Amino acid sequence: MRYARRDIFMFDLNAYLKEQRGIIDRALEETLQRIAQAGRLRDAMRHSLMAGGKRLRPVLCLAAAGAVGGDAGEAIAAACALEMIHTYSLIHDDLPAMDDDDLRRGKPTCHVAFDEATAILAGDALLTLAFEVLLEAGCSHPRRAAQWLRAGRVIARAAGCRGMVEGQMRDMAAEAHRLPLDDLRRMHALKTGALITASVESGAILGGGGPGQVDDLVRYARRIGLAFQVTDDILNVEGDPALMGKAVGTDEARHKSTYPALMGLEASREYARRLIDEALQSLAAFGDAAAPLAAIARYILERKR
């Protein structure tokens, strides 16, 4: 059973995203001001954390909490932690030792705006702040401490050597040679998909979702996580740098394995469409409560940046 397409298009995703981003941005700003000491380090953290961006991961976390019938506001600390972890990974990815990028979200990357050592420390600080925020939320809600522990474990696993960091390691190791398609899928399931899946899973846990609901949402998340990377690879070939806020054509210049390189552009587009259709099928049991998640899936397929 497919999710009703008319429900996707009736849902005002732009208004929803604007509202959710506002909530997330205010919470991130408040957390920085409250916890991080004023100075160069906080300035560098803020430079990258508040530089804009889609806020996809925290929005998915809040939307998943709502889809299972929970109060999305109860998951705001996890949403903030996820964005901090994502931002730390971008700061480190942009470093000269990694991708050596000068622009991120249309602004100078952290090591360009400050310096390399400060950027490394800003990334480190955001990663550790994320887990301080998660643990603080669990301590503040002792009756729900078990949920916060579960959510924290899911996020930690996705961020580290069993997820995103291992995926980045594999990505770097693969630059010198062409990966088979199955290896590329496994790499991106770690590098990109793990944190996206953790965003949805942690939101479902904190929203009080049952095992079946969490399983359905994890299936949804794994498919949109892979679709996100496929569309990212496509945009690196044919995207508009002015819209994306970063250079295009860099994957080919670095001889990276990508879906367009292995499958071709049209086959990559069809693969992304199939993944999104499968993601939407996983939402069938949630009805209107999953309208934001369904609309986000469609946005991933059609995004221009």
Foldseek 3Di string as FASTA:
>chain_A
DFFPPVLLVVDDLVVVQVVVVVVLLVVLVVLLVVPPDDDDLSVLLCVQLVLDDSLLLLSLLLLLLLLQPFHSVLCSLLSNLLSLLVSLVVLVCCAPVHLVFQWDSQHGRSCNVPNRVSSNVSSVVSNVSSVVSLVVSLVVCVVCVVLSVVLVVLQVCLRDCNAQVVLSVVQVVCLVDADDPVVVLVSQCRNQLSSQLSSNLSSNSSSPHDPLSSVLSSLLSSLLRSLLQLVVLLCLAVADCVVRSGHHPSCVVSNTHHCCVNPNNVRSLVSSVVSLRSSRVSSRVSHSSNSNVNNVSVCSSVPRD
